[in-house]
Amino acid sequence: MASKKNIKKDVKQMVYDIMDDCDYVVVSGGKGADKATKLMDDAVAFYETMIPKINGAKNKADFKSVRAEIEEKAIGFVTEMNKLG
């Protein structure tokens, strides 16, 4: 079973990567700057909702559902970042 600490690190790293990529788009004045700002806000909101879920996970099934939600959202974030251009 994965530890809460490692799952939190994974989520934090994912959010930092999204923030870094989106910040580059905003700073460079890309055409998707507004969308990048919204994506950054979504990433922060995702982090803030996931930490309590991770802390509340008690058994293997809880961790599995948390991991599945993280994977699903990560794919969604990558798809949105790719659309930024």
C-alpha atoms as a PDB file:
ATOM      1  CA  MET A   1       0.000   0.000   0.000  1.00  0.00           C
ATOM      2  CA  ALA A   2       1.301   3.435  -0.913  1.00  0.00           C
ATOM      3  CA  SER A   3       2.014   5.830   1.887  1.00  0.00           C
ATOM      4  CA  LYS A   4       0.102   9.052   2.317  1.00  0.00           C
ATOM      5  CA  LYS A   5       3.393  10.923   2.254  1.00  0.00           C
ATOM      6  CA  ASN A   6       4.305   9.588  -1.197  1.00  0.00           C
ATOM      7  CA  ILE A   7       0.859  10.262  -2.625  1.00  0.00           C
ATOM      8  CA  LYS A   8       0.985  13.840  -1.321  1.00  0.00           C
ATOM      9  CA  LYS A   9       4.416  14.276  -2.904  1.00  0.00           C
ATOM     10  CA  ASP A  10       3.091  12.999  -6.230  1.00  0.00           C
ATOM     11  CA  VAL A  11       0.139  15.398  -6.173  1.00  0.00           C
ATOM     12  CA  LYS A  12       2.355  18.307  -5.155  1.00  0.00           C
ATOM     13  CA  GLN A  13       4.837  17.543  -7.943  1.00  0.00           C
ATOM     14  CA  MET A  14       2.044  17.284 -10.497  1.00  0.00           C
ATOM     15  CA  VAL A  15       0.630  20.660  -9.435  1.00  0.00           C
ATOM     16  CA  TYR A  16       4.094  22.267  -9.491  1.00  0.00           C
ATOM     17  CA  ASP A  17       4.679  20.966 -13.016  1.00  0.00           C
ATOM     18  CA  ILE A  18       1.350  22.366 -14.176  1.00  0.00           C
ATOM     19  CA  MET A  19       2.047  25.697 -12.513  1.00  0.00           C
ATOM     20  CA  ASP A  20       5.492  25.893 -14.104  1.00  0.00           C
ATOM     21  CA  ASP A  21       4.244  25.110 -17.603  1.00  0.00           C
ATOM     22  CA  CYS A  22       1.283  27.454 -17.350  1.00  0.00           C
ATOM     23  CA  ASP A  23       3.424  30.221 -15.874  1.00  0.00           C
ATOM     24  CA  TYR A  24       5.690  29.991 -18.897  1.00  0.00           C
ATOM     25  CA  VAL A  25       2.691  30.530 -21.190  1.00  0.00           C
ATOM     26  CA  VAL A  26       1.499  33.504 -19.143  1.00  0.00           C
ATOM     27  CA  VAL A  27       4.923  35.148 -18.887  1.00  0.00           C
ATOM     28  CA  SER A  28       5.726  34.641 -22.551  1.00  0.00           C
ATOM     29  CA  GLY A  29       2.449  36.297 -23.500  1.00  0.00           C
ATOM     30  CA  GLY A  30       1.163  33.295 -25.385  1.00  0.00           C
ATOM     31  CA  LYS A  31      -2.275  33.288 -26.912  1.00  0.00           C
ATOM     32  CA  GLY A  32      -3.559  30.947 -24.200  1.00  0.00           C
ATOM     33  CA  ALA A  33      -2.542  33.111 -21.235  1.00  0.00           C
ATOM     34  CA  ASP A  34      -6.097  33.403 -19.906  1.00  0.00           C
ATOM     35  CA  LYS A  35      -6.666  29.672 -20.215  1.00  0.00           C
ATOM     36  CA  ALA A  36      -3.301  29.022 -18.547  1.00  0.00           C
ATOM     37  CA  THR A  37      -4.283  31.212 -15.597  1.00  0.00           C
ATOM     38  CA  LYS A  38      -7.554  29.314 -15.221  1.00  0.00           C
ATOM     39  CA  LEU A  39      -5.692  26.008 -15.436  1.00  0.00           C
ATOM     40  CA  MET A  40      -3.362  27.141 -12.647  1.00  0.00           C
ATOM     41  CA  ASP A  41      -6.381  28.011 -10.505  1.00  0.00           C
ATOM     42  CA  ASP A  42      -7.886  24.583 -11.241  1.00  0.00           C
ATOM     43  CA  ALA A  43      -4.625  22.865 -10.284  1.00  0.00           C
ATOM     44  CA  VAL A  44      -4.484  24.674  -6.947  1.00  0.00           C
ATOM     45  CA  ALA A  45      -8.139  23.850  -6.263  1.00  0.00           C
ATOM     46  CA  PHE A  46      -7.439  20.212  -7.113  1.00  0.00           C
ATOM     47  CA  TYR A  47      -4.522  20.141  -4.667  1.00  0.00           C
ATOM     48  CA  GLU A  48      -6.645  21.691  -1.935  1.00  0.00           C
ATOM     49  CA  THR A  49      -9.400  19.106  -2.403  1.00  0.00           C
ATOM     50  CA  MET A  50      -7.076  16.109  -2.682  1.00  0.00           C
ATOM     51  CA  ILE A  51      -5.051  16.622   0.495  1.00  0.00           C
ATOM     52  CA  PRO A  52      -8.059  16.033   2.806  1.00  0.00           C
ATOM     53  CA  LYS A  53      -9.040  12.991   0.730  1.00  0.00           C
ATOM     54  CA  ILE A  54      -5.530  11.582   1.049  1.00  0.00           C
ATOM     55  CA  ASN A  55      -5.476  12.264   4.772  1.00  0.00           C
ATOM     56  CA  GLY A  56      -8.862  10.577   5.134  1.00  0.00           C
ATOM     57  CA  ALA A  57      -7.843   7.412   3.287  1.00  0.00           C
ATOM     58  CA  LYS A  58      -7.889   4.496   5.721  1.00  0.00           C
ATOM     59  CA  ASN A  59      -7.701   1.307   3.693  1.00  0.00           C
ATOM     60  CA  LYS A  60      -6.535  -0.091   0.385  1.00  0.00           C
ATOM     61  CA  ALA A  61      -9.822   0.692  -1.371  1.00  0.00           C
ATOM     62  CA  ASP A  62      -9.628   4.340  -0.288  1.00  0.00           C
ATOM     63  CA  PHE A  63      -6.090   4.651  -1.614  1.00  0.00           C
ATOM     64  CA  LYS A  64      -7.089   2.995  -4.856  1.00  0.00           C
ATOM     65  CA  SER A  65      -9.919   5.464  -5.434  1.00  0.00           C
ATOM     66  CA  VAL A  66      -7.670   8.417  -4.554  1.00  0.00           C
ATOM     67  CA  ARG A  67      -4.990   7.184  -6.956  1.00  0.00           C
ATOM     68  CA  ALA A  68      -7.598   6.705  -9.706  1.00  0.00           C
ATOM     69  CA  GLU A  69      -8.892  10.236  -9.203  1.00  0.00           C
ATOM     70  CA  ILE A  70      -5.357  11.641  -9.351  1.00  0.00           C
ATOM     71  CA  GLU A  71      -4.602   9.736 -12.556  1.00  0.00           C
ATOM     72  CA  GLU A  72      -7.841  10.869 -14.183  1.00  0.00           C
ATOM     73  CA  LYS A  73      -7.240  14.498 -13.284  1.00  0.00           C
ATOM     74  CA  ALA A  74      -3.592  14.347 -14.383  1.00  0.00           C
ATOM     75  CA  ILE A  75      -4.665  13.186 -17.835  1.00  0.00           C
ATOM     76  CA  GLY A  76      -7.190  16.016 -17.964  1.00  0.00           C
ATOM     77  CA  PHE A  77      -4.570  18.590 -16.993  1.00  0.00           C
ATOM     78  CA  VAL A  78      -2.123  17.326 -19.626  1.00  0.00           C
ATOM     79  CA  THR A  79      -4.846  17.463 -22.268  1.00  0.00           C
ATOM     80  CA  GLU A  80      -5.684  21.043 -21.316  1.00  0.00           C
ATOM     81  CA  MET A  81      -2.009  22.066 -21.289  1.00  0.00           C
ATOM     82  CA  ASN A  82      -1.531  20.607 -24.758  1.00  0.00           C
ATOM     83  CA  LYS A  83      -4.393  22.745 -26.012  1.00  0.00           C
ATOM     84  CA  LEU A  84      -2.613  25.894 -24.805  1.00  0.00           C
ATOM     85  CA  GLY A  85      -0.151  25.599 -27.655  1.00  0.00           C
END
